[in-house]
């Protein structure tokens, strides 16, 4: 990987921000898979976000398991492991809009019910309550204009900040990337480093593991 002058001041600083989610219960709920399908079609986008993107933050300490709440409910309350595995296989990194992610979820449930019609109206052991959250972006004390201070900030910010810049950023940027990679590529000229960070698997790592991998990749670019 290319090695820049680590102390060189870059034109555009990187501001480490974080975000908090103020959770609220929505109007939609599902007691059957048919009701889940309908709710997926009509619920607000921030509900889809809450039960997919936000799940990765809430369960950041889990290395393996279901990647979203829809998959978890399909197994734990509906006892449908096939559907649960299909929903769990959805990778949020492939989407730059909630509408595309929603449509994929709808298609998975619809196709499953077409193949397993008896499962459509079977009552779940627990209802699925659709929730949503109001996003509040907050600044942190960490601002960087060179690679050395970027690494320092990366190691000190909270895991909420890592999630904000590494996962939520894809929707904000509407790009298949994240804030860290975007800044390292555009401001520091580290294209290979940026690409390597983009390839980090968020489903087999905790958020702390993601932080460490990002730091390791950036450090390697300096050698």
Protein backbone atom coordinates (compact mmCIF):
# COMPACT_ATOMS: atom_id res chain seq x y z
CA UNK A 1 0.00 0.00 0.00
CA UNK A 2 1.14 3.55 -0.66
CA UNK A 3 2.80 5.38 2.23
CA UNK A 4 2.11 9.10 2.69
CA UNK A 5 3.79 11.58 4.98
CA UNK A 6 1.85 10.79 8.15
CA UNK A 7 2.27 14.26 9.63
CA UNK A 8 1.34 16.12 6.43
CA UNK A 9 -1.63 18.38 7.03
CA UNK A 10 -4.53 17.45 4.79
CA UNK A 11 -6.87 19.95 3.20
CA UNK A 12 -10.14 18.66 4.63
CA UNK A 13 -10.15 17.53 8.29
CA UNK A 14 -12.00 14.43 9.41
CA UNK A 15 -14.53 15.16 12.14
CA UNK A 16 -15.33 12.15 14.29
CA UNK A 17 -19.03 12.25 15.07
CA UNK A 18 -21.31 9.86 16.85
CA UNK A 19 -25.05 9.26 16.84
CA UNK A 20 -27.75 8.30 19.28
CA UNK A 21 -31.08 6.70 18.43
CA UNK A 22 -34.20 7.72 20.32
CA UNK A 23 -36.33 4.58 20.07
CA UNK A 24 -40.09 4.67 19.61
CA UNK A 25 -42.66 1.94 18.96
CA UNK A 26 -44.37 2.18 15.60
CA UNK A 27 -47.95 1.45 14.58
CA UNK A 28 -47.23 -1.80 12.77
CA UNK A 29 -46.98 -5.20 14.40
CA UNK A 30 -47.07 -8.75 13.12
CA UNK A 31 -48.43 -11.95 14.66
CA UNK A 32 -48.05 -14.04 11.50
CA UNK A 33 -45.69 -14.06 8.53
CA UNK A 34 -48.50 -12.73 6.35
CA UNK A 35 -48.79 -9.75 8.67
CA UNK A 36 -45.01 -9.33 8.60
CA UNK A 37 -45.12 -9.18 4.81
CA UNK A 38 -47.81 -6.51 4.87
CA UNK A 39 -46.03 -4.49 7.54
CA UNK A 40 -42.76 -4.58 5.59
CA UNK A 41 -44.60 -2.99 2.67
CA UNK A 42 -46.18 -0.12 4.62
CA UNK A 43 -43.90 0.64 7.57
CA UNK A 44 -41.77 3.80 7.46
CA UNK A 45 -38.20 3.53 6.24
CA UNK A 46 -36.78 4.28 9.66
CA UNK A 47 -38.37 1.05 10.92
CA UNK A 48 -36.49 -0.93 8.29
CA UNK A 49 -33.34 0.92 9.31
CA UNK A 50 -33.91 0.20 12.99
CA UNK A 51 -34.36 -3.53 12.54
CA UNK A 52 -31.40 -3.98 10.17
CA UNK A 53 -28.67 -1.32 10.38
CA UNK A 54 -29.24 -0.45 14.03
CA UNK A 55 -29.29 -4.11 15.02
CA UNK A 56 -25.61 -4.31 14.12
CA UNK A 57 -24.87 -1.64 16.70
CA UNK A 58 -27.10 -3.00 19.44
CA UNK A 59 -25.59 -6.48 19.13
CA UNK A 60 -22.07 -5.38 18.24
CA UNK A 61 -20.59 -7.76 20.82
CA UNK A 62 -21.99 -10.85 19.05
CA UNK A 63 -19.65 -12.48 16.53
CA UNK A 64 -22.16 -14.93 15.12
CA UNK A 65 -25.92 -15.14 14.93
CA UNK A 66 -28.73 -13.33 13.22
CA UNK A 67 -27.85 -10.06 11.59
CA UNK A 68 -31.28 -8.45 11.80
CA UNK A 69 -34.43 -8.55 13.93
CA UNK A 70 -36.62 -9.98 11.16
CA UNK A 71 -34.44 -13.08 10.93
CA UNK A 72 -34.37 -13.49 14.70
CA UNK A 73 -38.16 -13.29 14.99
CA UNK A 74 -38.69 -15.70 12.09
CA UNK A 75 -36.78 -18.35 14.00
CA UNK A 76 -37.53 -17.63 17.65
CA UNK A 77 -41.25 -16.85 17.32
CA UNK A 78 -42.29 -18.39 14.00
CA UNK A 79 -39.97 -21.42 14.09
CA UNK A 80 -39.08 -21.03 10.43
CA UNK A 81 -35.32 -21.66 10.17
CA UNK A 82 -35.28 -21.57 6.36
CA UNK A 83 -36.77 -18.08 6.21
CA UNK A 84 -34.61 -16.96 9.13
CA UNK A 85 -31.45 -18.01 7.29
CA UNK A 86 -32.59 -16.26 4.12
CA UNK A 87 -33.30 -13.02 5.97
CA UNK A 88 -30.04 -13.29 7.90
CA UNK A 89 -28.12 -13.58 4.64
CA UNK A 90 -29.09 -10.04 3.62
CA UNK A 91 -25.96 -7.87 3.63
CA UNK A 92 -26.74 -4.20 4.33
CA UNK A 93 -23.44 -3.21 2.68
CA UNK A 94 -25.02 -3.98 -0.68
CA UNK A 95 -27.55 -1.16 -0.33
CA UNK A 96 -27.27 2.60 -0.53
CA UNK A 97 -30.97 3.17 0.11
CA UNK A 98 -33.56 1.74 2.47
CA UNK A 99 -36.01 1.21 -0.40
CA UNK A 100 -33.73 -1.34 -2.05
CA UNK A 101 -33.21 -3.18 1.23
CA UNK A 102 -36.95 -3.15 1.96
CA UNK A 103 -37.76 -4.60 -1.45
CA UNK A 104 -35.30 -7.45 -0.98
CA UNK A 105 -36.82 -8.30 2.42
CA UNK A 106 -40.32 -8.26 0.92
CA UNK A 107 -39.29 -10.55 -1.92
CA UNK A 108 -37.70 -13.05 0.47
CA UNK A 109 -40.81 -13.28 2.66
CA UNK A 110 -43.18 -13.35 -0.32
CA UNK A 111 -41.23 -16.12 -2.08
CA UNK A 112 -41.05 -18.14 1.13
CA UNK A 113 -44.81 -17.92 1.69
CA UNK A 114 -45.46 -18.88 -1.92
CA UNK A 115 -43.42 -22.03 -1.35
CA UNK A 116 -44.78 -22.65 2.18
CA UNK A 117 -48.42 -21.38 2.18
CA UNK A 118 -49.28 -23.18 5.43
CA UNK A 119 -46.81 -20.97 7.29
CA UNK A 120 -48.51 -17.74 6.21
CA UNK A 121 -51.18 -17.48 8.91
CA UNK A 122 -49.67 -19.61 11.65
CA UNK A 123 -49.58 -17.55 14.85
CA UNK A 124 -46.19 -16.60 16.21
CA UNK A 125 -45.42 -17.25 19.86
CA UNK A 126 -44.59 -13.55 20.30
CA UNK A 127 -45.69 -10.56 18.17
CA UNK A 128 -43.15 -8.55 16.23
CA UNK A 129 -43.42 -4.88 17.15
CA UNK A 130 -42.05 -2.52 14.55
CA UNK A 131 -39.91 0.17 16.11
CA UNK A 132 -38.12 3.17 14.71
CA UNK A 133 -35.65 5.69 16.02
CA UNK A 134 -34.97 9.36 15.62
CA UNK A 135 -31.31 9.83 14.77
CA UNK A 136 -29.37 12.51 16.62
CA UNK A 137 -25.86 13.22 15.33
CA UNK A 138 -23.43 14.52 17.96
CA UNK A 139 -19.88 15.85 17.62
CA UNK A 140 -16.95 14.36 19.49
CA UNK A 141 -13.76 16.16 20.63
CA UNK A 142 -11.73 14.33 17.99
CA UNK A 143 -10.80 16.10 14.75
CA UNK A 144 -7.93 15.05 12.52
CA UNK A 145 -6.04 16.55 9.62
CA UNK A 146 -3.30 13.91 9.29
CA UNK A 147 -2.97 10.15 9.44
CA UNK A 148 -1.34 10.01 12.86
CA UNK A 149 -4.12 11.91 14.58
CA UNK A 150 -6.70 9.92 12.59
CA UNK A 151 -5.36 6.74 14.19
CA UNK A 152 -5.42 8.38 17.60
CA UNK A 153 -9.04 9.47 17.20
CA UNK A 154 -10.03 6.06 15.82
CA UNK A 155 -8.71 4.36 18.95
CA UNK A 156 -10.41 6.78 21.37
CA UNK A 157 -13.91 7.31 20.00
CA UNK A 158 -16.81 5.16 21.18
CA UNK A 159 -18.18 2.18 19.28
CA UNK A 160 -21.24 4.29 18.47
CA UNK A 161 -18.94 6.55 16.49
CA UNK A 162 -17.43 3.58 14.64
CA UNK A 163 -20.93 2.38 13.73
CA UNK A 164 -21.94 5.88 12.64
CA UNK A 165 -19.01 6.31 10.26
CA UNK A 166 -18.58 2.73 9.08
CA UNK A 167 -22.13 1.42 8.68
CA UNK A 168 -24.68 4.23 8.74
CA UNK A 169 -22.53 6.31 6.39
CA UNK A 170 -23.43 4.13 3.43
CA UNK A 171 -26.96 5.48 3.45
CA UNK A 172 -25.81 9.05 4.01
CA UNK A 173 -23.22 8.92 1.23
CA UNK A 174 -25.40 6.72 -0.99
CA UNK A 175 -22.17 4.99 -1.96
CA UNK A 176 -20.85 1.47 -1.43
CA UNK A 177 -18.31 2.82 1.03
CA UNK A 178 -17.92 4.44 4.45
CA UNK A 179 -16.73 7.75 5.91
CA UNK A 180 -13.27 6.43 6.82
CA UNK A 181 -12.56 5.02 3.37
CA UNK A 182 -13.96 8.09 1.64
CA UNK A 183 -11.69 10.43 3.59
CA UNK A 184 -8.58 8.27 3.28
CA UNK A 185 -9.10 7.97 -0.46
CA UNK A 186 -10.09 11.54 -1.29
CA UNK A 187 -7.93 13.47 1.19
CA UNK A 188 -4.94 11.20 1.82
CA UNK A 189 -4.79 9.49 -1.56
CA UNK A 190 -4.82 6.02 0.04
CA UNK A 191 -7.01 4.21 -2.46
CA UNK A 192 -5.78 0.71 -1.62
CA UNK A 193 -6.14 1.36 2.09
CA UNK A 194 -9.67 2.67 1.57
CA UNK A 195 -10.61 -0.40 -0.49
CA UNK A 196 -9.18 -2.77 2.15
CA UNK A 197 -11.24 -1.09 4.88
CA UNK A 198 -14.37 -1.42 2.74
CA UNK A 199 -13.79 -5.17 2.57
CA UNK A 200 -13.94 -5.66 6.37
CA UNK A 201 -16.69 -8.17 7.18
CA UNK A 202 -19.12 -6.57 9.61
CA UNK A 203 -20.96 -9.86 10.17
CA UNK A 204 -18.03 -11.85 11.55
CA UNK A 205 -16.57 -9.00 13.59
CA UNK A 206 -17.72 -7.06 16.60
CA UNK A 207 -17.59 -3.27 16.33
CA UNK A 208 -14.44 -3.39 18.44
CA UNK A 209 -13.03 -5.89 15.97
CA UNK A 210 -13.89 -3.54 13.12
CA UNK A 211 -12.09 -0.70 14.88
CA UNK A 212 -8.96 -2.81 15.33
CA UNK A 213 -8.96 -3.97 11.73
CA UNK A 214 -9.31 -0.40 10.44
CA UNK A 215 -6.39 0.70 12.62
CA UNK A 216 -4.27 -2.25 11.49
CA UNK A 217 -4.95 -1.55 7.81
CA UNK A 218 -4.09 2.14 8.18
CA UNK A 219 -0.92 1.30 10.09
CA UNK A 220 0.15 -1.11 7.34
CA UNK A 221 -0.22 1.67 4.78
CA UNK A 222 2.40 3.67 6.64
CA UNK A 223 5.11 1.02 6.38
